[in-house]
Amino acid sequence: MSTKFMLDENIPYALIDLLERRGFSVQHLKKIGKQGIKNGEVYEIAERENMWIVTRDQWPGADLKIKSARREGVLYRQVLPLRKNRRG
């Protein structure tokens, strides 16, 4: 069974191609008409489909859900603003 990913609406579409080229199954909330749904609903879909959630959001309690899951969970990454290179 291939690893499956659910991309949150804040994840760029470019990640779909990258993951699919590496053999993963990928869905994006916007492409399946689910943009704007609550985080709990996203988790329910991903749990039902045995998918990892990829998001930039930090979900309160997500770590507890990951601990109780067999192998699925929530991956999140904080994206920091780019800093201008300052030379002295």
PDB file of N, CA and C in Angstrom:
ATOM      1  N   MET A   1       0.842  -1.187   0.000  1.00  0.00           N
ATOM      2  CA  MET A   1       0.000   0.000   0.000  1.00  0.00           C
ATOM      3  C   MET A   1       0.882   1.242   0.000  1.00  0.00           C
ATOM      4  N   SER A   2       0.612   2.144  -0.893  1.00  0.00           N
ATOM      5  CA  SER A   2       1.374   3.387  -1.040  1.00  0.00           C
ATOM      6  C   SER A   2       0.969   4.398   0.032  1.00  0.00           C
ATOM      7  N   THR A   3       1.911   5.212   0.445  1.00  0.00           N
ATOM      8  CA  THR A   3       1.616   6.298   1.374  1.00  0.00           C
ATOM      9  C   THR A   3       0.751   7.322   0.647  1.00  0.00           C
ATOM     10  N   LYS A   4      -0.292   7.801   1.348  1.00  0.00           N
ATOM     11  CA  LYS A   4      -1.222   8.760   0.750  1.00  0.00           C
ATOM     12  C   LYS A   4      -1.178  10.071   1.535  1.00  0.00           C
ATOM     13  N   PHE A   5      -1.289  11.177   0.802  1.00  0.00           N
ATOM     14  CA  PHE A   5      -1.240  12.504   1.410  1.00  0.00           C
ATOM     15  C   PHE A   5      -2.484  13.309   1.079  1.00  0.00           C
ATOM     16  N   MET A   6      -2.981  14.056   2.074  1.00  0.00           N
ATOM     17  CA  MET A   6      -4.029  15.051   1.884  1.00  0.00           C
ATOM     18  C   MET A   6      -3.365  16.404   2.072  1.00  0.00           C
ATOM     19  N   LEU A   7      -3.331  17.228   1.021  1.00  0.00           N
ATOM     20  CA  LEU A   7      -2.712  18.542   1.115  1.00  0.00           C
ATOM     21  C   LEU A   7      -3.758  19.567   1.510  1.00  0.00           C
ATOM     22  N   ASP A   8      -3.472  20.323   2.541  1.00  0.00           N
ATOM     23  CA  ASP A   8      -4.362  21.378   3.003  1.00  0.00           C
ATOM     24  C   ASP A   8      -4.406  22.482   1.943  1.00  0.00           C
ATOM     25  N   GLU A   9      -5.410  23.338   2.048  1.00  0.00           N
ATOM     26  CA  GLU A   9      -5.594  24.382   1.043  1.00  0.00           C
ATOM     27  C   GLU A   9      -4.449  25.395   1.008  1.00  0.00           C
ATOM     28  N   ASN A  10      -3.620  25.436   2.052  1.00  0.00           N
ATOM     29  CA  ASN A  10      -2.513  26.393   2.082  1.00  0.00           C
ATOM     30  C   ASN A  10      -1.215  25.818   1.516  1.00  0.00           C
ATOM     31  N   ILE A  11      -1.286  24.648   0.915  1.00  0.00           N
ATOM     32  CA  ILE A  11      -0.115  24.007   0.320  1.00  0.00           C
ATOM     33  C   ILE A  11      -0.165  24.207  -1.197  1.00  0.00           C
ATOM     34  N   PRO A  12       0.936  24.632  -1.827  1.00  0.00           N
ATOM     35  CA  PRO A  12       0.928  24.880  -3.273  1.00  0.00           C
ATOM     36  C   PRO A  12       0.688  23.603  -4.083  1.00  0.00           C
ATOM     37  N   TYR A  13      -0.001  23.776  -5.215  1.00  0.00           N
ATOM     38  CA  TYR A  13      -0.286  22.653  -6.107  1.00  0.00           C
ATOM     39  C   TYR A  13       0.993  21.970  -6.594  1.00  0.00           C
ATOM     40  N   ALA A  14       2.093  22.682  -6.661  1.00  0.00           N
ATOM     41  CA  ALA A  14       3.350  22.108  -7.163  1.00  0.00           C
ATOM     42  C   ALA A  14       3.764  20.865  -6.367  1.00  0.00           C
ATOM     43  N   LEU A  15       3.370  20.800  -5.112  1.00  0.00           N
ATOM     44  CA  LEU A  15       3.727  19.638  -4.301  1.00  0.00           C
ATOM     45  C   LEU A  15       2.996  18.380  -4.783  1.00  0.00           C
ATOM     46  N   ILE A  16       1.839  18.539  -5.409  1.00  0.00           N
ATOM     47  CA  ILE A  16       1.107  17.386  -5.945  1.00  0.00           C
ATOM     48  C   ILE A  16       1.985  16.640  -6.939  1.00  0.00           C
ATOM     49  N   ASP A  17       2.503  17.364  -7.933  1.00  0.00           N
ATOM     50  CA  ASP A  17       3.343  16.745  -8.966  1.00  0.00           C
ATOM     51  C   ASP A  17       4.588  16.112  -8.365  1.00  0.00           C
ATOM     52  N   LEU A  18       5.228  16.815  -7.459  1.00  0.00           N
ATOM     53  CA  LEU A  18       6.445  16.299  -6.831  1.00  0.00           C
ATOM     54  C   LEU A  18       6.187  14.962  -6.135  1.00  0.00           C
ATOM     55  N   LEU A  19       5.113  14.892  -5.348  1.00  0.00           N
ATOM     56  CA  LEU A  19       4.808  13.665  -4.620  1.00  0.00           C
ATOM     57  C   LEU A  19       4.339  12.542  -5.553  1.00  0.00           C
ATOM     58  N   GLU A  20       3.523  12.898  -6.554  1.00  0.00           N
ATOM     59  CA  GLU A  20       3.043  11.881  -7.490  1.00  0.00           C
ATOM     60  C   GLU A  20       4.184  11.286  -8.313  1.00  0.00           C
ATOM     61  N   ARG A  21       5.157  12.105  -8.703  1.00  0.00           N
ATOM     62  CA  ARG A  21       6.315  11.590  -9.449  1.00  0.00           C
ATOM     63  C   ARG A  21       7.116  10.594  -8.619  1.00  0.00           C
ATOM     64  N   ARG A  22       7.003  10.694  -7.311  1.00  0.00           N
ATOM     65  CA  ARG A  22       7.719   9.773  -6.416  1.00  0.00           C
ATOM     66  C   ARG A  22       6.846   8.587  -5.998  1.00  0.00           C
ATOM     67  N   GLY A  23       5.680   8.463  -6.633  1.00  0.00           N
ATOM     68  CA  GLY A  23       4.844   7.285  -6.423  1.00  0.00           C
ATOM     69  C   GLY A  23       3.804   7.376  -5.321  1.00  0.00           C
ATOM     70  N   PHE A  24       3.606   8.564  -4.751  1.00  0.00           N
ATOM     71  CA  PHE A  24       2.627   8.719  -3.684  1.00  0.00           C
ATOM     72  C   PHE A  24       1.255   9.077  -4.253  1.00  0.00           C
ATOM     73  N   SER A  25       0.221   8.713  -3.536  1.00  0.00           N
ATOM     74  CA  SER A  25      -1.146   9.110  -3.863  1.00  0.00           C
ATOM     75  C   SER A  25      -1.410  10.446  -3.166  1.00  0.00           C
ATOM     76  N   VAL A  26      -1.958  11.431  -3.896  1.00  0.00           N
ATOM     77  CA  VAL A  26      -2.098  12.785  -3.346  1.00  0.00           C
ATOM     78  C   VAL A  26      -3.477  13.353  -3.681  1.00  0.00           C
ATOM     79  N   GLN A  27      -4.106  13.982  -2.685  1.00  0.00           N
ATOM     80  CA  GLN A  27      -5.321  14.771  -2.899  1.00  0.00           C
ATOM     81  C   GLN A  27      -5.077  16.146  -2.314  1.00  0.00           C
ATOM     82  N   HIS A  28      -5.710  17.163  -2.901  1.00  0.00           N
ATOM     83  CA  HIS A  28      -5.593  18.541  -2.415  1.00  0.00           C
ATOM     84  C   HIS A  28      -7.005  19.025  -2.106  1.00  0.00           C
ATOM     85  N   LEU A  29      -7.194  19.637  -0.943  1.00  0.00           N
ATOM     86  CA  LEU A  29      -8.533  20.064  -0.537  1.00  0.00           C
ATOM     87  C   LEU A  29      -9.226  20.927  -1.586  1.00  0.00           C
ATOM     88  N   LYS A  30      -8.502  21.836  -2.218  1.00  0.00           N
ATOM     89  CA  LYS A  30      -9.127  22.697  -3.231  1.00  0.00           C
ATOM     90  C   LYS A  30      -9.572  21.891  -4.449  1.00  0.00           C
ATOM     91  N   LYS A  31      -8.791  20.911  -4.839  1.00  0.00           N
ATOM     92  CA  LYS A  31      -9.113  20.116  -6.036  1.00  0.00           C
ATOM     93  C   LYS A  31     -10.281  19.156  -5.811  1.00  0.00           C
ATOM     94  N   ILE A  32     -10.569  18.843  -4.553  1.00  0.00           N
ATOM     95  CA  ILE A  32     -11.715  17.970  -4.287  1.00  0.00           C
ATOM     96  C   ILE A  32     -12.908  18.771  -3.747  1.00  0.00           C
ATOM     97  N   GLY A  33     -12.829  20.107  -3.851  1.00  0.00           N
ATOM     98  CA  GLY A  33     -13.947  20.971  -3.474  1.00  0.00           C
ATOM     99  C   GLY A  33     -14.193  21.080  -1.978  1.00  0.00           C
ATOM    100  N   LYS A  34     -13.166  20.919  -1.174  1.00  0.00           N
ATOM    101  CA  LYS A  34     -13.319  20.955   0.283  1.00  0.00           C
ATOM    102  C   LYS A  34     -12.616  22.146   0.938  1.00  0.00           C
ATOM    103  N   GLN A  35     -12.243  23.173   0.159  1.00  0.00           N
ATOM    104  CA  GLN A  35     -11.572  24.307   0.773  1.00  0.00           C
ATOM    105  C   GLN A  35     -12.507  24.997   1.758  1.00  0.00           C
ATOM    106  N   GLY A  36     -11.919  25.493   2.847  1.00  0.00           N
ATOM    107  CA  GLY A  36     -12.687  26.208   3.854  1.00  0.00           C
ATOM    108  C   GLY A  36     -13.307  25.331   4.930  1.00  0.00           C
ATOM    109  N   ILE A  37     -13.124  24.008   4.845  1.00  0.00           N
ATOM    110  CA  ILE A  37     -13.701  23.161   5.892  1.00  0.00           C
ATOM    111  C   ILE A  37     -12.851  23.252   7.158  1.00  0.00           C
ATOM    112  N   LYS A  38     -13.441  22.902   8.263  1.00  0.00           N
ATOM    113  CA  LYS A  38     -12.753  22.972   9.558  1.00  0.00           C
ATOM    114  C   LYS A  38     -11.652  21.918   9.644  1.00  0.00           C
ATOM    115  N   ASN A  39     -10.633  22.193  10.461  1.00  0.00           N
ATOM    116  CA  ASN A  39      -9.520  21.257  10.627  1.00  0.00           C
ATOM    117  C   ASN A  39      -9.995  19.870  11.057  1.00  0.00           C
ATOM    118  N   GLY A  40     -10.989  19.823  11.904  1.00  0.00           N
ATOM    119  CA  GLY A  40     -11.513  18.531  12.353  1.00  0.00           C
ATOM    120  C   GLY A  40     -12.074  17.710  11.204  1.00  0.00           C
ATOM    121  N   GLU A  41     -12.714  18.385  10.250  1.00  0.00           N
ATOM    122  CA  GLU A  41     -13.252  17.686   9.077  1.00  0.00           C
ATOM    123  C   GLU A  41     -12.117  17.177   8.182  1.00  0.00           C
ATOM    124  N   VAL A  42     -11.065  17.981   8.058  1.00  0.00           N
ATOM    125  CA  VAL A  42      -9.893  17.552   7.282  1.00  0.00           C
ATOM    126  C   VAL A  42      -9.318  16.292   7.918  1.00  0.00           C
ATOM    127  N   TYR A  43      -9.189  16.293   9.231  1.00  0.00           N
ATOM    128  CA  TYR A  43      -8.638  15.147   9.935  1.00  0.00           C
ATOM    129  C   TYR A  43      -9.522  13.913   9.738  1.00  0.00           C
ATOM    130  N   GLU A  44     -10.852  14.096   9.792  1.00  0.00           N
ATOM    131  CA  GLU A  44     -11.773  12.967   9.610  1.00  0.00           C
ATOM    132  C   GLU A  44     -11.619  12.337   8.228  1.00  0.00           C
ATOM    133  N   ILE A  45     -11.507  13.176   7.192  1.00  0.00           N
ATOM    134  CA  ILE A  45     -11.317  12.662   5.826  1.00  0.00           C
ATOM    135  C   ILE A  45     -10.015  11.885   5.743  1.00  0.00           C
ATOM    136  N   ALA A  46      -8.948  12.497   6.247  1.00  0.00           N
ATOM    137  CA  ALA A  46      -7.634  11.857   6.172  1.00  0.00           C
ATOM    138  C   ALA A  46      -7.599  10.559   6.975  1.00  0.00           C
ATOM    139  N   GLU A  47      -8.226  10.553   8.123  1.00  0.00           N
ATOM    140  CA  GLU A  47      -8.251   9.345   8.942  1.00  0.00           C
ATOM    141  C   GLU A  47      -9.028   8.231   8.240  1.00  0.00           C
ATOM    142  N   ARG A  48     -10.165   8.579   7.660  1.00  0.00           N
ATOM    143  CA  ARG A  48     -10.994   7.598   6.951  1.00  0.00           C
ATOM    144  C   ARG A  48     -10.249   6.999   5.758  1.00  0.00           C
ATOM    145  N   GLU A  49      -9.457   7.839   5.069  1.00  0.00           N
ATOM    146  CA  GLU A  49      -8.727   7.417   3.869  1.00  0.00           C
ATOM    147  C   GLU A  49      -7.293   6.958   4.177  1.00  0.00           C
ATOM    148  N   ASN A  50      -6.919   6.926   5.464  1.00  0.00           N
ATOM    149  CA  ASN A  50      -5.557   6.543   5.872  1.00  0.00           C
ATOM    150  C   ASN A  50      -4.492   7.402   5.198  1.00  0.00           C
ATOM    151  N   MET A  51      -4.657   8.707   5.316  1.00  0.00           N
ATOM    152  CA  MET A  51      -3.758   9.666   4.663  1.00  0.00           C
ATOM    153  C   MET A  51      -3.021  10.511   5.695  1.00  0.00           C
ATOM    154  N   TRP A  52      -1.837  10.959   5.313  1.00  0.00           N
ATOM    155  CA  TRP A  52      -1.112  11.985   6.067  1.00  0.00           C
ATOM    156  C   TRP A  52      -1.657  13.338   5.628  1.00  0.00           C
ATOM    157  N   ILE A  53      -1.797  14.266   6.561  1.00  0.00           N
ATOM    158  CA  ILE A  53      -2.206  15.635   6.246  1.00  0.00           C
ATOM    159  C   ILE A  53      -0.945  16.484   6.179  1.00  0.00           C
ATOM    160  N   VAL A  54      -0.799  17.247   5.100  1.00  0.00           N
ATOM    161  CA  VAL A  54       0.320  18.183   4.962  1.00  0.00           C
ATOM    162  C   VAL A  54      -0.280  19.581   5.008  1.00  0.00           C
ATOM    163  N   THR A  55       0.151  20.373   5.973  1.00  0.00           N
ATOM    164  CA  THR A  55      -0.419  21.703   6.173  1.00  0.00           C
ATOM    165  C   THR A  55       0.634  22.668   6.688  1.00  0.00           C
ATOM    166  N   ARG A  56       0.354  23.942   6.540  1.00  0.00           N
ATOM    167  CA  ARG A  56       1.192  24.970   7.162  1.00  0.00           C
ATOM    168  C   ARG A  56       0.580  25.428   8.478  1.00  0.00           C
ATOM    169  N   ASP A  57      -0.650  25.000   8.742  1.00  0.00           N
ATOM    170  CA  ASP A  57      -1.314  25.348   9.996  1.00  0.00           C
ATOM    171  C   ASP A  57      -0.702  24.532  11.125  1.00  0.00           C
ATOM    172  N   GLN A  58      -0.731  25.083  12.316  1.00  0.00           N
ATOM    173  CA  GLN A  58      -0.340  24.313  13.489  1.00  0.00           C
ATOM    174  C   GLN A  58      -1.620  24.009  14.248  1.00  0.00           C
ATOM    175  N   TRP A  59      -2.000  22.770  14.278  1.00  0.00           N
ATOM    176  CA  TRP A  59      -3.266  22.372  14.876  1.00  0.00           C
ATOM    177  C   TRP A  59      -3.100  22.061  16.342  1.00  0.00           C
ATOM    178  N   PRO A  60      -3.887  22.713  17.198  1.00  0.00           N
ATOM    179  CA  PRO A  60      -3.834  22.363  18.617  1.00  0.00           C
ATOM    180  C   PRO A  60      -4.257  20.907  18.800  1.00  0.00           C
ATOM    181  N   GLY A  61      -3.497  20.153  19.554  1.00  0.00           N
ATOM    182  CA  GLY A  61      -3.842  18.764  19.815  1.00  0.00           C
ATOM    183  C   GLY A  61      -3.448  17.785  18.728  1.00  0.00           C
ATOM    184  N   ALA A  62      -2.839  18.255  17.637  1.00  0.00           N
ATOM    185  CA  ALA A  62      -2.480  17.357  16.540  1.00  0.00           C
ATOM    186  C   ALA A  62      -1.513  16.290  17.000  1.00  0.00           C
ATOM    187  N   ASP A  63      -0.619  16.643  17.920  1.00  0.00           N
ATOM    188  CA  ASP A  63       0.350  15.655  18.395  1.00  0.00           C
ATOM    189  C   ASP A  63      -0.342  14.506  19.128  1.00  0.00           C
ATOM    190  N   LEU A  64      -1.450  14.781  19.795  1.00  0.00           N
ATOM    191  CA  LEU A  64      -2.182  13.714  20.478  1.00  0.00           C
ATOM    192  C   LEU A  64      -2.811  12.763  19.468  1.00  0.00           C
ATOM    193  N   LYS A  65      -3.322  13.312  18.374  1.00  0.00           N
ATOM    194  CA  LYS A  65      -3.923  12.473  17.338  1.00  0.00           C
ATOM    195  C   LYS A  65      -2.868  11.606  16.678  1.00  0.00           C
ATOM    196  N   ILE A  66      -1.688  12.153  16.466  1.00  0.00           N
ATOM    197  CA  ILE A  66      -0.616  11.377  15.839  1.00  0.00           C
ATOM    198  C   ILE A  66      -0.243  10.193  16.730  1.00  0.00           C
ATOM    199  N   LYS A  67      -0.170  10.418  18.038  1.00  0.00           N
ATOM    200  CA  LYS A  67       0.207   9.341  18.958  1.00  0.00           C
ATOM    201  C   LYS A  67      -0.806   8.205  18.939  1.00  0.00           C
ATOM    202  N   SER A  68      -2.079   8.528  18.698  1.00  0.00           N
ATOM    203  CA  SER A  68      -3.100   7.493  18.723  1.00  0.00           C
ATOM    204  C   SER A  68      -3.268   6.822  17.356  1.00  0.00           C
ATOM    205  N   ALA A  69      -2.704   7.403  16.306  1.00  0.00           N
ATOM    206  CA  ALA A  69      -2.857   6.843  14.959  1.00  0.00           C
ATOM    207  C   ALA A  69      -1.879   5.691  14.748  1.00  0.00           C
ATOM    208  N   ARG A  70      -2.247   4.788  13.855  1.00  0.00           N
ATOM    209  CA  ARG A  70      -1.351   3.673  13.542  1.00  0.00           C
ATOM    210  C   ARG A  70      -0.101   4.183  12.843  1.00  0.00           C
ATOM    211  N   ARG A  71      -0.268   4.989  11.784  1.00  0.00           N
ATOM    212  CA  ARG A  71       0.898   5.520  11.085  1.00  0.00           C
ATOM    213  C   ARG A  71       0.581   6.810  10.354  1.00  0.00           C
ATOM    214  N   GLU A  72      -0.669   7.201  10.337  1.00  0.00           N
ATOM    215  CA  GLU A  72      -1.047   8.442   9.697  1.00  0.00           C
ATOM    216  C   GLU A  72      -0.939   9.579  10.708  1.00  0.00           C
ATOM    217  N   GLY A  73      -0.983  10.798  10.233  1.00  0.00           N
ATOM    218  CA  GLY A  73      -0.890  11.913  11.159  1.00  0.00           C
ATOM    219  C   GLY A  73      -0.928  13.234  10.441  1.00  0.00           C
ATOM    220  N   VAL A  74      -0.419  14.232  11.098  1.00  0.00           N
ATOM    221  CA  VAL A  74      -0.405  15.593  10.562  1.00  0.00           C
ATOM    222  C   VAL A  74       1.035  16.047  10.453  1.00  0.00           C
ATOM    223  N   LEU A  75       1.428  16.481   9.266  1.00  0.00           N
ATOM    224  CA  LEU A  75       2.739  17.077   9.065  1.00  0.00           C
ATOM    225  C   LEU A  75       2.517  18.569   8.908  1.00  0.00           C
ATOM    226  N   TYR A  76       3.184  19.376   9.700  1.00  0.00           N
ATOM    227  CA  TYR A  76       3.055  20.811   9.500  1.00  0.00           C
ATOM    228  C   TYR A  76       4.423  21.451   9.527  1.00  0.00           C
ATOM    229  N   ARG A  77       4.505  22.554   8.827  1.00  0.00           N
ATOM    230  CA  ARG A  77       5.773  23.264   8.747  1.00  0.00           C
ATOM    231  C   ARG A  77       5.493  24.743   8.867  1.00  0.00           C
ATOM    232  N   GLN A  78       6.186  25.372   9.764  1.00  0.00           N
ATOM    233  CA  GLN A  78       6.064  26.815   9.907  1.00  0.00           C
ATOM    234  C   GLN A  78       6.903  27.464   8.824  1.00  0.00           C
ATOM    235  N   VAL A  79       6.281  28.346   8.073  1.00  0.00           N
ATOM    236  CA  VAL A  79       6.992  29.036   7.011  1.00  0.00           C
ATOM    237  C   VAL A  79       7.307  30.439   7.498  1.00  0.00           C
ATOM    238  N   LEU A  80       8.583  30.733   7.608  1.00  0.00           N
ATOM    239  CA  LEU A  80       9.009  32.046   8.089  1.00  0.00           C
ATOM    240  C   LEU A  80       9.203  32.993   6.919  1.00  0.00           C
ATOM    241  N   PRO A  81       8.964  34.277   7.130  1.00  0.00           N
ATOM    242  CA  PRO A  81       9.193  35.234   6.033  1.00  0.00           C
ATOM    243  C   PRO A  81      10.672  35.273   5.653  1.00  0.00           C
ATOM    244  N   LEU A  82      10.921  35.482   4.390  1.00  0.00           N
ATOM    245  CA  LEU A  82      12.300  35.591   3.919  1.00  0.00           C
ATOM    246  C   LEU A  82      12.924  36.870   4.447  1.00  0.00           C
ATOM    247  N   ARG A  83      14.181  36.793   4.816  1.00  0.00           N
ATOM    248  CA  ARG A  83      14.900  37.979   5.275  1.00  0.00           C
ATOM    249  C   ARG A  83      15.787  38.477   4.162  1.00  0.00           C
ATOM    250  N   LYS A  84      15.865  39.764   4.027  1.00  0.00           N
ATOM    251  CA  LYS A  84      16.768  40.337   3.041  1.00  0.00           C
ATOM    252  C   LYS A  84      18.195  40.167   3.522  1.00  0.00           C
ATOM    253  N   ASN A  85      19.067  39.862   2.613  1.00  0.00           N
ATOM    254  CA  ASN A  85      20.479  39.697   2.951  1.00  0.00           C
ATOM    255  C   ASN A  85      21.064  41.078   3.228  1.00  0.00           C
ATOM    256  N   ARG A  86      21.465  41.302   4.441  1.00  0.00           N
ATOM    257  CA  ARG A  86      22.037  42.610   4.805  1.00  0.00           C
ATOM    258  C   ARG A  86      23.533  42.480   4.905  1.00  0.00           C
ATOM    259  N   ARG A  87      24.207  43.257   4.146  1.00  0.00           N
ATOM    260  CA  ARG A  87      25.670  43.250   4.189  1.00  0.00           C
ATOM    261  C   ARG A  87      26.155  44.540   4.818  1.00  0.00           C
ATOM    262  N   GLY A  88      27.074  44.387   5.731  1.00  0.00           N
ATOM    263  CA  GLY A  88      27.547  45.532   6.495  1.00  0.00           C
ATOM    264  C   GLY A  88      28.654  46.180   5.888  1.00  0.00           C
TER     265      GLY A  88
END
